[in-house]
Amino acid sequence: MNVALWIVAGLLAAVYLVGGAFKMLAPKERIAATGAAGRWVEDFTAGGVKAIGAVEVLAAAGLVLPAALGIAPVFVPLAAVGLVLLMAGAATVRMRRREYRLVAVDAVYILLAAFVAWGRLGPESFLN
């Protein structure tokens, strides 16, 4: 179970690090030009998109660094819970925009982050 949690947390961290960095560095117009998956930025200011990117980068770091460094590993499940909330917001935006296929992708991310939160708060807790 511990290995599965590390793998899922690592994969989520990689995805959110790349995605968050892209949101922070790319202009809003470039993100919107990536296709259907990027059109959500039309509902946000450029600063809002960059803030979402910063939250994603911080969450990516929070998923692996605290446990890997042995410094405050309690932040791992907190970062995972934060991602669940972030992706619930993303799914809400997609529902409002009637982008139903993309809601399914958001749901997968929610389930993966919830798995890490559950595992690190429960059976493979760092709190012991």
N, C-alpha and C. Protein backbone atom coordinates (compact mmCIF):
# COMPACT_ATOMS: atom_id res chain seq x y z
N MET A 1 0.83 -1.19 0.00
CA MET A 1 0.00 0.00 0.00
C MET A 1 0.87 1.26 0.00
N ASN A 2 1.95 1.23 0.81
CA ASN A 2 2.84 2.38 0.88
C ASN A 2 3.43 2.69 -0.50
N VAL A 3 3.83 1.65 -1.23
CA VAL A 3 4.40 1.85 -2.56
C VAL A 3 3.37 2.45 -3.51
N ALA A 4 2.15 1.95 -3.46
CA ALA A 4 1.09 2.49 -4.31
C ALA A 4 0.83 3.97 -4.00
N LEU A 5 0.84 4.31 -2.72
CA LEU A 5 0.63 5.71 -2.34
C LEU A 5 1.75 6.60 -2.84
N TRP A 6 2.99 6.12 -2.74
CA TRP A 6 4.12 6.88 -3.25
C TRP A 6 4.03 7.07 -4.76
N ILE A 7 3.64 6.01 -5.46
CA ILE A 7 3.53 6.09 -6.93
C ILE A 7 2.46 7.08 -7.33
N VAL A 8 1.28 6.97 -6.73
CA VAL A 8 0.19 7.88 -7.08
C VAL A 8 0.55 9.31 -6.71
N ALA A 9 1.12 9.52 -5.53
CA ALA A 9 1.52 10.87 -5.12
C ALA A 9 2.58 11.43 -6.07
N GLY A 10 3.53 10.60 -6.47
CA GLY A 10 4.57 11.05 -7.39
C GLY A 10 4.02 11.42 -8.76
N LEU A 11 3.10 10.59 -9.27
CA LEU A 11 2.50 10.89 -10.57
C LEU A 11 1.66 12.17 -10.50
N LEU A 12 0.86 12.29 -9.44
CA LEU A 12 0.08 13.52 -9.28
C LEU A 12 0.99 14.73 -9.17
N ALA A 13 2.06 14.60 -8.41
CA ALA A 13 2.99 15.72 -8.25
C ALA A 13 3.58 16.13 -9.60
N ALA A 14 3.96 15.15 -10.41
CA ALA A 14 4.53 15.46 -11.72
C ALA A 14 3.53 16.19 -12.61
N VAL A 15 2.30 15.69 -12.63
CA VAL A 15 1.26 16.29 -13.46
C VAL A 15 0.97 17.72 -13.01
N TYR A 16 0.81 17.91 -11.70
CA TYR A 16 0.47 19.24 -11.20
C TYR A 16 1.65 20.20 -11.27
N LEU A 17 2.86 19.70 -11.16
CA LEU A 17 4.03 20.58 -11.30
C LEU A 17 4.12 21.12 -12.72
N VAL A 18 3.97 20.25 -13.70
CA VAL A 18 4.04 20.67 -15.10
C VAL A 18 2.86 21.58 -15.45
N GLY A 19 1.66 21.14 -15.07
CA GLY A 19 0.47 21.94 -15.38
C GLY A 19 0.47 23.29 -14.68
N GLY A 20 0.86 23.29 -13.41
CA GLY A 20 0.90 24.54 -12.66
C GLY A 20 1.95 25.49 -13.20
N ALA A 21 3.13 24.96 -13.54
CA ALA A 21 4.18 25.81 -14.11
C ALA A 21 3.73 26.42 -15.44
N PHE A 22 3.04 25.61 -16.25
CA PHE A 22 2.53 26.12 -17.53
C PHE A 22 1.55 27.26 -17.29
N LYS A 23 0.65 27.08 -16.32
CA LYS A 23 -0.33 28.14 -16.02
C LYS A 23 0.35 29.40 -15.51
N MET A 24 1.42 29.23 -14.75
CA MET A 24 2.12 30.39 -14.21
C MET A 24 2.94 31.13 -15.27
N LEU A 25 3.50 30.41 -16.23
CA LEU A 25 4.44 31.00 -17.17
C LEU A 25 3.83 31.38 -18.51
N ALA A 26 2.80 30.66 -18.95
CA ALA A 26 2.22 30.92 -20.28
C ALA A 26 1.15 32.01 -20.18
N PRO A 27 1.05 32.82 -21.22
CA PRO A 27 -0.04 33.80 -21.26
C PRO A 27 -1.40 33.09 -21.33
N LYS A 28 -2.37 33.74 -20.80
CA LYS A 28 -3.73 33.17 -20.77
C LYS A 28 -4.19 32.76 -22.17
N GLU A 29 -3.86 33.56 -23.17
CA GLU A 29 -4.28 33.27 -24.54
C GLU A 29 -3.67 31.96 -25.05
N ARG A 30 -2.43 31.70 -24.67
CA ARG A 30 -1.77 30.47 -25.10
C ARG A 30 -2.43 29.25 -24.46
N ILE A 31 -2.82 29.38 -23.19
CA ILE A 31 -3.50 28.27 -22.51
C ILE A 31 -4.84 28.01 -23.20
N ALA A 32 -5.58 29.07 -23.51
CA ALA A 32 -6.87 28.92 -24.18
C ALA A 32 -6.71 28.28 -25.55
N ALA A 33 -5.58 28.50 -26.20
CA ALA A 33 -5.34 27.96 -27.54
C ALA A 33 -5.00 26.48 -27.53
N THR A 34 -4.82 25.89 -26.34
CA THR A 34 -4.48 24.46 -26.29
C THR A 34 -5.66 23.57 -26.63
N GLY A 35 -6.82 24.14 -26.81
CA GLY A 35 -7.99 23.35 -27.20
C GLY A 35 -9.07 23.37 -26.12
N ALA A 36 -9.96 22.40 -26.19
CA ALA A 36 -11.11 22.36 -25.29
C ALA A 36 -10.68 22.33 -23.83
N ALA A 37 -9.59 21.65 -23.53
CA ALA A 37 -9.14 21.54 -22.14
C ALA A 37 -8.66 22.87 -21.57
N GLY A 38 -8.34 23.83 -22.42
CA GLY A 38 -7.82 25.11 -21.95
C GLY A 38 -8.79 26.26 -22.01
N ARG A 39 -9.97 26.03 -22.50
CA ARG A 39 -10.92 27.13 -22.67
C ARG A 39 -11.49 27.66 -21.36
N TRP A 40 -11.31 26.91 -20.28
CA TRP A 40 -11.81 27.35 -18.98
C TRP A 40 -11.20 28.68 -18.57
N VAL A 41 -10.02 29.01 -19.09
CA VAL A 41 -9.35 30.25 -18.69
C VAL A 41 -10.15 31.48 -19.09
N GLU A 42 -11.07 31.31 -20.02
CA GLU A 42 -11.91 32.44 -20.44
C GLU A 42 -12.75 32.96 -19.28
N ASP A 43 -12.99 32.11 -18.27
CA ASP A 43 -13.80 32.51 -17.11
C ASP A 43 -12.98 33.16 -16.00
N PHE A 44 -11.67 33.30 -16.18
CA PHE A 44 -10.79 33.81 -15.14
C PHE A 44 -9.90 34.92 -15.67
N THR A 45 -9.44 35.76 -14.74
CA THR A 45 -8.46 36.78 -15.12
C THR A 45 -7.10 36.12 -15.29
N ALA A 46 -6.18 36.82 -15.91
CA ALA A 46 -4.82 36.29 -16.07
C ALA A 46 -4.19 36.03 -14.70
N GLY A 47 -4.42 36.93 -13.76
CA GLY A 47 -3.90 36.73 -12.41
C GLY A 47 -4.51 35.53 -11.72
N GLY A 48 -5.79 35.30 -11.96
CA GLY A 48 -6.46 34.13 -11.38
C GLY A 48 -5.89 32.83 -11.91
N VAL A 49 -5.59 32.81 -13.20
CA VAL A 49 -5.00 31.61 -13.81
C VAL A 49 -3.61 31.36 -13.22
N LYS A 50 -2.83 32.42 -13.05
CA LYS A 50 -1.50 32.27 -12.47
C LYS A 50 -1.59 31.82 -11.01
N ALA A 51 -2.59 32.30 -10.28
CA ALA A 51 -2.78 31.88 -8.89
C ALA A 51 -3.13 30.40 -8.81
N ILE A 52 -3.98 29.94 -9.72
CA ILE A 52 -4.32 28.51 -9.76
C ILE A 52 -3.06 27.70 -10.05
N GLY A 53 -2.24 28.18 -10.97
CA GLY A 53 -0.98 27.51 -11.27
C GLY A 53 -0.07 27.45 -10.05
N ALA A 54 0.00 28.53 -9.29
CA ALA A 54 0.84 28.55 -8.10
C ALA A 54 0.34 27.55 -7.05
N VAL A 55 -0.97 27.47 -6.90
CA VAL A 55 -1.54 26.49 -5.96
C VAL A 55 -1.20 25.07 -6.41
N GLU A 56 -1.26 24.81 -7.70
CA GLU A 56 -0.92 23.48 -8.22
C GLU A 56 0.55 23.14 -7.97
N VAL A 57 1.44 24.10 -8.18
CA VAL A 57 2.86 23.85 -7.94
C VAL A 57 3.11 23.59 -6.45
N LEU A 58 2.49 24.37 -5.59
CA LEU A 58 2.65 24.16 -4.14
C LEU A 58 2.10 22.80 -3.72
N ALA A 59 0.97 22.43 -4.28
CA ALA A 59 0.38 21.12 -3.96
C ALA A 59 1.29 20.00 -4.43
N ALA A 60 1.88 20.15 -5.61
CA ALA A 60 2.80 19.14 -6.12
C ALA A 60 3.97 18.95 -5.16
N ALA A 61 4.52 20.06 -4.69
CA ALA A 61 5.62 19.97 -3.72
C ALA A 61 5.14 19.33 -2.42
N GLY A 62 3.94 19.68 -1.99
CA GLY A 62 3.41 19.16 -0.74
C GLY A 62 3.08 17.68 -0.77
N LEU A 63 2.90 17.14 -1.96
CA LEU A 63 2.59 15.71 -2.08
C LEU A 63 3.80 14.82 -1.83
N VAL A 64 5.00 15.32 -2.10
CA VAL A 64 6.18 14.45 -1.98
C VAL A 64 7.28 14.99 -1.07
N LEU A 65 7.56 16.27 -1.11
CA LEU A 65 8.71 16.79 -0.38
C LEU A 65 8.66 16.58 1.13
N PRO A 66 7.54 16.85 1.80
CA PRO A 66 7.55 16.67 3.25
C PRO A 66 7.91 15.25 3.68
N ALA A 67 7.35 14.26 3.02
CA ALA A 67 7.65 12.87 3.38
C ALA A 67 9.05 12.47 2.94
N ALA A 68 9.45 12.90 1.76
CA ALA A 68 10.77 12.54 1.25
C ALA A 68 11.89 13.14 2.10
N LEU A 69 11.66 14.34 2.61
CA LEU A 69 12.67 15.00 3.43
C LEU A 69 12.50 14.71 4.92
N GLY A 70 11.38 14.11 5.29
CA GLY A 70 11.12 13.81 6.69
C GLY A 70 10.82 15.04 7.52
N ILE A 71 10.39 16.11 6.87
CA ILE A 71 10.07 17.36 7.55
C ILE A 71 8.57 17.61 7.43
N ALA A 72 7.86 17.50 8.53
CA ALA A 72 6.42 17.74 8.59
C ALA A 72 5.64 16.93 7.56
N PRO A 73 5.77 15.61 7.57
CA PRO A 73 5.06 14.79 6.59
C PRO A 73 3.54 14.87 6.70
N VAL A 74 3.03 15.49 7.74
CA VAL A 74 1.59 15.68 7.86
C VAL A 74 1.05 16.53 6.71
N PHE A 75 1.93 17.27 6.04
CA PHE A 75 1.49 18.10 4.92
C PHE A 75 1.11 17.29 3.68
N VAL A 76 1.56 16.04 3.60
CA VAL A 76 1.22 15.22 2.43
C VAL A 76 -0.29 15.02 2.31
N PRO A 77 -0.99 14.51 3.34
CA PRO A 77 -2.43 14.36 3.18
C PRO A 77 -3.15 15.71 3.07
N LEU A 78 -2.60 16.74 3.69
CA LEU A 78 -3.23 18.06 3.57
C LEU A 78 -3.13 18.57 2.13
N ALA A 79 -1.99 18.35 1.49
CA ALA A 79 -1.84 18.74 0.08
C ALA A 79 -2.81 17.95 -0.79
N ALA A 80 -2.98 16.65 -0.48
CA ALA A 80 -3.91 15.82 -1.25
C ALA A 80 -5.35 16.31 -1.08
N VAL A 81 -5.72 16.66 0.14
CA VAL A 81 -7.08 17.20 0.38
C VAL A 81 -7.25 18.52 -0.38
N GLY A 82 -6.21 19.34 -0.37
CA GLY A 82 -6.25 20.59 -1.13
C GLY A 82 -6.48 20.35 -2.62
N LEU A 83 -5.85 19.32 -3.16
CA LEU A 83 -6.06 18.98 -4.58
C LEU A 83 -7.47 18.48 -4.83
N VAL A 84 -8.02 17.73 -3.88
CA VAL A 84 -9.42 17.29 -4.03
C VAL A 84 -10.32 18.51 -4.14
N LEU A 85 -10.10 19.49 -3.26
CA LEU A 85 -10.93 20.70 -3.29
C LEU A 85 -10.71 21.52 -4.56
N LEU A 86 -9.44 21.63 -4.98
CA LEU A 86 -9.14 22.36 -6.21
C LEU A 86 -9.82 21.71 -7.41
N MET A 87 -9.75 20.39 -7.50
CA MET A 87 -10.34 19.70 -8.64
C MET A 87 -11.86 19.67 -8.56
N ALA A 88 -12.42 19.72 -7.36
CA ALA A 88 -13.88 19.86 -7.24
C ALA A 88 -14.31 21.20 -7.82
N GLY A 89 -13.51 22.23 -7.56
CA GLY A 89 -13.78 23.53 -8.18
C GLY A 89 -13.64 23.48 -9.68
N ALA A 90 -12.61 22.78 -10.16
CA ALA A 90 -12.41 22.65 -11.61
C ALA A 90 -13.60 21.92 -12.24
N ALA A 91 -14.06 20.87 -11.59
CA ALA A 91 -15.20 20.12 -12.12
C ALA A 91 -16.45 21.00 -12.15
N THR A 92 -16.60 21.83 -11.14
CA THR A 92 -17.75 22.74 -11.10
C THR A 92 -17.71 23.72 -12.27
N VAL A 93 -16.53 24.27 -12.54
CA VAL A 93 -16.38 25.18 -13.69
C VAL A 93 -16.71 24.44 -14.98
N ARG A 94 -16.21 23.22 -15.11
CA ARG A 94 -16.48 22.44 -16.33
C ARG A 94 -17.97 22.13 -16.48
N MET A 95 -18.64 21.83 -15.38
CA MET A 95 -20.09 21.56 -15.44
C MET A 95 -20.83 22.81 -15.92
N ARG A 96 -20.46 23.96 -15.35
CA ARG A 96 -21.10 25.21 -15.76
C ARG A 96 -20.88 25.49 -17.23
N ARG A 97 -19.72 25.11 -17.73
CA ARG A 97 -19.39 25.34 -19.14
C ARG A 97 -19.89 24.20 -20.04
N ARG A 98 -20.54 23.22 -19.44
CA ARG A 98 -21.07 22.05 -20.15
C ARG A 98 -19.95 21.25 -20.86
N GLU A 99 -18.81 21.16 -20.22
CA GLU A 99 -17.68 20.39 -20.74
C GLU A 99 -17.66 19.05 -20.01
N TYR A 100 -18.66 18.25 -20.26
CA TYR A 100 -18.91 17.04 -19.47
C TYR A 100 -17.82 15.98 -19.62
N ARG A 101 -17.22 15.85 -20.79
CA ARG A 101 -16.15 14.86 -20.96
C ARG A 101 -14.96 15.17 -20.07
N LEU A 102 -14.69 16.45 -19.90
CA LEU A 102 -13.56 16.85 -19.08
C LEU A 102 -13.85 16.72 -17.59
N VAL A 103 -15.12 16.72 -17.22
CA VAL A 103 -15.49 16.49 -15.82
C VAL A 103 -15.05 15.08 -15.41
N ALA A 104 -15.12 14.15 -16.32
CA ALA A 104 -14.69 12.78 -16.01
C ALA A 104 -13.19 12.74 -15.71
N VAL A 105 -12.41 13.53 -16.44
CA VAL A 105 -10.97 13.60 -16.18
C VAL A 105 -10.73 14.20 -14.79
N ASP A 106 -11.46 15.28 -14.49
CA ASP A 106 -11.34 15.89 -13.17
C ASP A 106 -11.70 14.89 -12.08
N ALA A 107 -12.71 14.07 -12.32
CA ALA A 107 -13.12 13.07 -11.33
C ALA A 107 -12.02 12.05 -11.07
N VAL A 108 -11.27 11.68 -12.10
CA VAL A 108 -10.15 10.76 -11.91
C VAL A 108 -9.10 11.40 -11.01
N TYR A 109 -8.78 12.66 -11.25
CA TYR A 109 -7.81 13.36 -10.40
C TYR A 109 -8.32 13.46 -8.96
N ILE A 110 -9.61 13.71 -8.80
CA ILE A 110 -10.21 13.77 -7.46
C ILE A 110 -10.03 12.43 -6.75
N LEU A 111 -10.32 11.35 -7.45
CA LEU A 111 -10.21 10.01 -6.85
C LEU A 111 -8.76 9.68 -6.48
N LEU A 112 -7.82 10.03 -7.34
CA LEU A 112 -6.41 9.75 -7.05
C LEU A 112 -5.92 10.56 -5.85
N ALA A 113 -6.28 11.84 -5.81
CA ALA A 113 -5.87 12.66 -4.67
C ALA A 113 -6.56 12.20 -3.38
N ALA A 114 -7.82 11.79 -3.49
CA ALA A 114 -8.54 11.28 -2.32
C ALA A 114 -7.90 9.99 -1.81
N PHE A 115 -7.43 9.16 -2.73
CA PHE A 115 -6.73 7.93 -2.34
C PHE A 115 -5.48 8.26 -1.52
N VAL A 116 -4.70 9.24 -1.98
CA VAL A 116 -3.50 9.63 -1.24
C VAL A 116 -3.88 10.20 0.13
N ALA A 117 -4.89 11.06 0.17
CA ALA A 117 -5.32 11.64 1.45
C ALA A 117 -5.78 10.54 2.41
N TRP A 118 -6.61 9.63 1.92
CA TRP A 118 -7.10 8.54 2.76
C TRP A 118 -5.96 7.66 3.24
N GLY A 119 -5.08 7.28 2.34
CA GLY A 119 -3.98 6.40 2.69
C GLY A 119 -3.03 7.02 3.69
N ARG A 120 -2.74 8.30 3.52
CA ARG A 120 -1.79 8.96 4.41
C ARG A 120 -2.42 9.44 5.72
N LEU A 121 -3.73 9.50 5.78
CA LEU A 121 -4.41 9.79 7.05
C LEU A 121 -4.80 8.50 7.77
N GLY A 122 -4.89 7.40 7.02
CA GLY A 122 -5.36 6.14 7.58
C GLY A 122 -4.30 5.07 7.66
N PRO A 123 -4.40 4.08 6.79
CA PRO A 123 -3.57 2.87 6.91
C PRO A 123 -2.06 3.10 6.84
N GLU A 124 -1.61 4.05 6.07
CA GLU A 124 -0.18 4.33 5.92
C GLU A 124 0.14 5.74 6.39
N SER A 125 -0.40 6.08 7.53
CA SER A 125 -0.29 7.44 8.05
C SER A 125 1.15 7.79 8.41
N PHE A 126 1.51 9.03 8.18
CA PHE A 126 2.79 9.57 8.63
C PHE A 126 2.66 10.13 10.03
N LEU A 127 1.44 10.11 10.57
CA LEU A 127 1.19 10.74 11.86
C LEU A 127 1.58 9.84 13.04
N ASN A 128 1.87 8.59 12.79
CA ASN A 128 2.21 7.66 13.89
C ASN A 128 3.61 7.88 14.40
